[in-house]
N, C-alpha and C. Protein backbone atom coordinates (compact mmCIF):
# COMPACT_ATOMS: atom_id res chain seq x y z
N MET A 1 -19.48 -60.67 -66.43
CA MET A 1 -20.42 -59.88 -65.70
C MET A 1 -20.01 -59.86 -64.23
N PHE A 2 -20.46 -58.84 -63.51
CA PHE A 2 -20.09 -58.66 -62.11
C PHE A 2 -21.34 -58.52 -61.23
N LEU A 3 -21.16 -58.82 -59.94
CA LEU A 3 -22.24 -58.70 -58.97
C LEU A 3 -21.75 -57.85 -57.81
N HIS A 4 -22.52 -56.81 -57.48
CA HIS A 4 -22.20 -55.93 -56.35
C HIS A 4 -22.77 -56.54 -55.08
N LEU A 5 -21.89 -56.80 -54.08
CA LEU A 5 -22.29 -57.46 -52.85
C LEU A 5 -22.59 -56.51 -51.70
N GLY A 6 -22.29 -55.24 -51.89
CA GLY A 6 -22.46 -54.27 -50.82
C GLY A 6 -21.13 -53.59 -50.56
N GLN A 7 -21.22 -52.44 -49.87
CA GLN A 7 -20.04 -51.63 -49.61
C GLN A 7 -19.34 -51.37 -50.95
N ASP A 8 -18.06 -51.67 -51.05
CA ASP A 8 -17.32 -51.45 -52.30
C ASP A 8 -16.86 -52.76 -52.92
N THR A 9 -17.62 -53.83 -52.71
CA THR A 9 -17.19 -55.15 -53.16
C THR A 9 -17.99 -55.63 -54.36
N VAL A 10 -17.26 -55.99 -55.41
CA VAL A 10 -17.85 -56.51 -56.64
C VAL A 10 -17.09 -57.79 -56.99
N ILE A 11 -17.83 -58.84 -57.38
CA ILE A 11 -17.19 -60.09 -57.76
C ILE A 11 -17.65 -60.51 -59.15
N LYS A 12 -16.85 -61.36 -59.78
CA LYS A 12 -17.23 -61.90 -61.09
C LYS A 12 -18.33 -62.93 -60.90
N THR A 13 -19.36 -62.86 -61.72
CA THR A 13 -20.46 -63.83 -61.60
C THR A 13 -19.99 -65.24 -61.98
N ASP A 14 -19.00 -65.35 -62.82
CA ASP A 14 -18.48 -66.66 -63.21
C ASP A 14 -17.83 -67.39 -62.04
N ASP A 15 -17.39 -66.65 -61.02
CA ASP A 15 -16.71 -67.24 -59.86
C ASP A 15 -17.68 -67.74 -58.79
N ILE A 16 -18.97 -67.39 -58.90
CA ILE A 16 -19.93 -67.72 -57.85
C ILE A 16 -20.29 -69.21 -57.88
N ILE A 17 -20.15 -69.84 -56.73
CA ILE A 17 -20.57 -71.23 -56.55
C ILE A 17 -21.99 -71.26 -56.00
N GLY A 18 -22.27 -70.37 -55.04
CA GLY A 18 -23.60 -70.34 -54.45
C GLY A 18 -23.85 -69.11 -53.61
N ILE A 19 -25.12 -68.75 -53.48
CA ILE A 19 -25.57 -67.64 -52.65
C ILE A 19 -26.52 -68.24 -51.62
N PHE A 20 -26.24 -68.00 -50.33
CA PHE A 20 -26.96 -68.68 -49.27
C PHE A 20 -27.52 -67.71 -48.24
N ASP A 21 -28.68 -68.04 -47.70
CA ASP A 21 -29.29 -67.28 -46.62
C ASP A 21 -28.58 -67.68 -45.32
N ILE A 22 -28.01 -66.73 -44.64
CA ILE A 22 -27.20 -67.04 -43.47
C ILE A 22 -28.03 -67.58 -42.31
N ASP A 23 -29.27 -67.10 -42.15
CA ASP A 23 -30.12 -67.57 -41.06
C ASP A 23 -30.56 -69.02 -41.25
N ASN A 24 -30.96 -69.37 -42.45
CA ASN A 24 -31.48 -70.71 -42.72
C ASN A 24 -30.38 -71.77 -42.79
N THR A 25 -29.23 -71.41 -43.32
CA THR A 25 -28.20 -72.43 -43.54
C THR A 25 -27.30 -72.66 -42.34
N THR A 26 -27.16 -71.67 -41.47
CA THR A 26 -26.26 -71.87 -40.32
C THR A 26 -26.90 -72.70 -39.21
N VAL A 27 -28.11 -73.15 -39.43
CA VAL A 27 -28.74 -74.10 -38.50
C VAL A 27 -27.99 -75.43 -38.57
N SER A 28 -27.48 -75.75 -39.74
CA SER A 28 -26.77 -77.00 -39.96
C SER A 28 -25.35 -76.93 -39.39
N LYS A 29 -24.95 -77.97 -38.67
CA LYS A 29 -23.60 -78.05 -38.12
C LYS A 29 -22.56 -78.08 -39.24
N ALA A 30 -22.87 -78.73 -40.34
CA ALA A 30 -21.93 -78.81 -41.46
C ALA A 30 -21.63 -77.43 -42.02
N THR A 31 -22.65 -76.59 -42.12
CA THR A 31 -22.44 -75.23 -42.63
C THR A 31 -21.63 -74.41 -41.64
N ARG A 32 -21.95 -74.52 -40.36
CA ARG A 32 -21.18 -73.80 -39.34
C ARG A 32 -19.72 -74.24 -39.35
N ASP A 33 -19.48 -75.54 -39.50
CA ASP A 33 -18.11 -76.05 -39.57
C ASP A 33 -17.39 -75.52 -40.80
N TYR A 34 -18.10 -75.50 -41.94
CA TYR A 34 -17.50 -74.98 -43.17
C TYR A 34 -17.09 -73.51 -43.01
N LEU A 35 -18.00 -72.70 -42.46
CA LEU A 35 -17.70 -71.28 -42.29
C LEU A 35 -16.57 -71.06 -41.28
N ALA A 36 -16.53 -71.86 -40.22
CA ALA A 36 -15.45 -71.76 -39.24
C ALA A 36 -14.11 -72.12 -39.88
N HIS A 37 -14.12 -73.18 -40.69
CA HIS A 37 -12.89 -73.60 -41.40
C HIS A 37 -12.42 -72.50 -42.36
N ALA A 38 -13.34 -71.93 -43.10
CA ALA A 38 -12.99 -70.85 -44.03
C ALA A 38 -12.43 -69.65 -43.28
N SER A 39 -13.02 -69.34 -42.14
CA SER A 39 -12.55 -68.22 -41.33
C SER A 39 -11.13 -68.47 -40.81
N ARG A 40 -10.87 -69.67 -40.32
CA ARG A 40 -9.53 -70.02 -39.83
C ARG A 40 -8.49 -69.92 -40.94
N ASN A 41 -8.89 -70.19 -42.16
CA ASN A 41 -7.96 -70.15 -43.30
C ASN A 41 -7.95 -68.80 -44.01
N ASN A 42 -8.49 -67.78 -43.36
CA ASN A 42 -8.52 -66.42 -43.91
C ASN A 42 -9.18 -66.34 -45.28
N GLN A 43 -10.25 -67.10 -45.46
CA GLN A 43 -10.97 -67.11 -46.73
C GLN A 43 -12.26 -66.31 -46.66
N VAL A 44 -12.57 -65.75 -45.50
CA VAL A 44 -13.82 -65.01 -45.32
C VAL A 44 -13.57 -63.52 -45.47
N VAL A 45 -14.41 -62.89 -46.30
CA VAL A 45 -14.36 -61.45 -46.50
C VAL A 45 -15.70 -60.88 -46.06
N ASN A 46 -15.69 -60.07 -45.02
CA ASN A 46 -16.92 -59.49 -44.51
C ASN A 46 -17.12 -58.13 -45.18
N VAL A 47 -18.15 -58.02 -46.01
CA VAL A 47 -18.44 -56.77 -46.70
C VAL A 47 -19.63 -56.06 -46.06
N SER A 48 -19.97 -56.49 -44.84
CA SER A 48 -21.15 -55.98 -44.17
C SER A 48 -20.77 -55.21 -42.92
N MET A 49 -21.27 -54.01 -42.80
CA MET A 49 -21.11 -53.25 -41.57
C MET A 49 -22.37 -53.40 -40.71
N GLU A 50 -23.34 -54.13 -41.22
CA GLU A 50 -24.61 -54.35 -40.54
C GLU A 50 -24.80 -55.84 -40.29
N LEU A 51 -25.98 -56.20 -39.83
CA LEU A 51 -26.30 -57.59 -39.58
C LEU A 51 -26.22 -58.38 -40.89
N PRO A 52 -25.41 -59.43 -40.95
CA PRO A 52 -25.29 -60.20 -42.20
C PRO A 52 -26.55 -61.00 -42.50
N LYS A 53 -26.89 -61.04 -43.79
CA LYS A 53 -28.08 -61.78 -44.22
C LYS A 53 -27.74 -62.92 -45.18
N SER A 54 -26.57 -62.86 -45.78
CA SER A 54 -26.22 -63.89 -46.76
C SER A 54 -24.72 -64.13 -46.78
N PHE A 55 -24.36 -65.27 -47.34
CA PHE A 55 -22.95 -65.50 -47.66
C PHE A 55 -22.86 -66.09 -49.04
N ILE A 56 -21.79 -65.73 -49.72
CA ILE A 56 -21.59 -66.10 -51.12
C ILE A 56 -20.27 -66.85 -51.21
N ILE A 57 -20.31 -68.05 -51.75
CA ILE A 57 -19.10 -68.83 -51.92
C ILE A 57 -18.63 -68.67 -53.36
N CYS A 58 -17.37 -68.31 -53.50
CA CYS A 58 -16.78 -68.09 -54.83
C CYS A 58 -15.47 -68.87 -54.95
N LYS A 59 -15.20 -69.28 -56.17
CA LYS A 59 -13.92 -69.91 -56.47
C LYS A 59 -13.35 -69.22 -57.70
N ASN A 60 -12.19 -68.62 -57.52
CA ASN A 60 -11.54 -67.92 -58.62
C ASN A 60 -11.15 -68.93 -59.68
N ASN A 61 -11.68 -68.74 -60.89
CA ASN A 61 -11.44 -69.69 -61.97
C ASN A 61 -10.00 -69.66 -62.49
N GLU A 62 -9.28 -68.58 -62.18
CA GLU A 62 -7.91 -68.46 -62.66
C GLU A 62 -6.90 -69.15 -61.75
N ASN A 63 -7.06 -68.98 -60.42
CA ASN A 63 -6.08 -69.57 -59.51
C ASN A 63 -6.68 -70.61 -58.56
N GLY A 64 -7.97 -70.87 -58.64
CA GLY A 64 -8.60 -71.89 -57.82
C GLY A 64 -8.82 -71.49 -56.37
N GLU A 65 -8.52 -70.26 -56.03
CA GLU A 65 -8.67 -69.78 -54.65
C GLU A 65 -10.14 -69.61 -54.29
N GLU A 66 -10.51 -70.11 -53.12
CA GLU A 66 -11.90 -70.02 -52.67
C GLU A 66 -12.06 -68.89 -51.66
N ARG A 67 -13.20 -68.17 -51.75
CA ARG A 67 -13.52 -67.07 -50.84
C ARG A 67 -14.98 -67.18 -50.43
N VAL A 68 -15.25 -66.75 -49.20
CA VAL A 68 -16.62 -66.66 -48.70
C VAL A 68 -16.86 -65.20 -48.36
N TYR A 69 -17.84 -64.60 -49.00
CA TYR A 69 -18.19 -63.20 -48.75
C TYR A 69 -19.44 -63.15 -47.88
N ILE A 70 -19.38 -62.35 -46.83
CA ILE A 70 -20.53 -62.16 -45.93
C ILE A 70 -21.13 -60.80 -46.29
N SER A 71 -22.43 -60.77 -46.60
CA SER A 71 -23.08 -59.55 -47.07
C SER A 71 -24.32 -59.22 -46.25
N GLN A 72 -24.61 -57.93 -46.16
CA GLN A 72 -25.83 -57.49 -45.49
C GLN A 72 -27.04 -57.54 -46.41
N LEU A 73 -26.82 -57.83 -47.67
CA LEU A 73 -27.92 -57.93 -48.63
C LEU A 73 -28.55 -59.32 -48.55
N SER A 74 -29.86 -59.37 -48.74
CA SER A 74 -30.55 -60.65 -48.69
C SER A 74 -30.21 -61.48 -49.93
N PRO A 75 -30.29 -62.80 -49.81
CA PRO A 75 -30.04 -63.66 -50.97
C PRO A 75 -30.98 -63.35 -52.12
N ILE A 76 -32.22 -62.99 -51.81
CA ILE A 76 -33.20 -62.67 -52.86
C ILE A 76 -32.73 -61.45 -53.65
N THR A 77 -32.23 -60.43 -52.96
CA THR A 77 -31.72 -59.23 -53.63
C THR A 77 -30.52 -59.58 -54.50
N LEU A 78 -29.61 -60.38 -53.97
CA LEU A 78 -28.42 -60.75 -54.74
C LEU A 78 -28.77 -61.57 -55.97
N VAL A 79 -29.68 -62.53 -55.83
CA VAL A 79 -30.09 -63.34 -56.98
C VAL A 79 -30.79 -62.47 -58.02
N LYS A 80 -31.60 -61.53 -57.57
CA LYS A 80 -32.26 -60.61 -58.49
C LYS A 80 -31.24 -59.77 -59.25
N ARG A 81 -30.24 -59.24 -58.53
CA ARG A 81 -29.18 -58.48 -59.19
C ARG A 81 -28.44 -59.35 -60.19
N PHE A 82 -28.17 -60.59 -59.80
CA PHE A 82 -27.46 -61.54 -60.66
C PHE A 82 -28.23 -61.78 -61.94
N SER A 83 -29.54 -62.04 -61.81
CA SER A 83 -30.34 -62.36 -62.99
C SER A 83 -30.60 -61.16 -63.87
N GLU A 84 -30.61 -59.97 -63.28
CA GLU A 84 -30.83 -58.75 -64.06
C GLU A 84 -29.54 -58.12 -64.56
N GLY A 85 -28.40 -58.67 -64.11
CA GLY A 85 -27.12 -58.15 -64.56
C GLY A 85 -26.75 -56.81 -63.96
N ILE A 86 -27.21 -56.56 -62.73
CA ILE A 86 -26.91 -55.29 -62.06
C ILE A 86 -25.60 -55.40 -61.34
């Protein structure tokens, strides 16, 4: 199954590690450090042309590559799409 993150980006649901609210989680220094590290390693994919509301951490089950997707969609919308199979 796949999940549409916005714009033209679709990911496999099996690859999703977590869906996070960007406002609530970036309060933590650990989260900010993680996102900065991912950005330095070219692991961040920004699929948002607007104010970002969520980030999705994925790990490709075939090659083990990790990606962080930044989306303008709220985590609630993404989880709803995930559970409904949209």
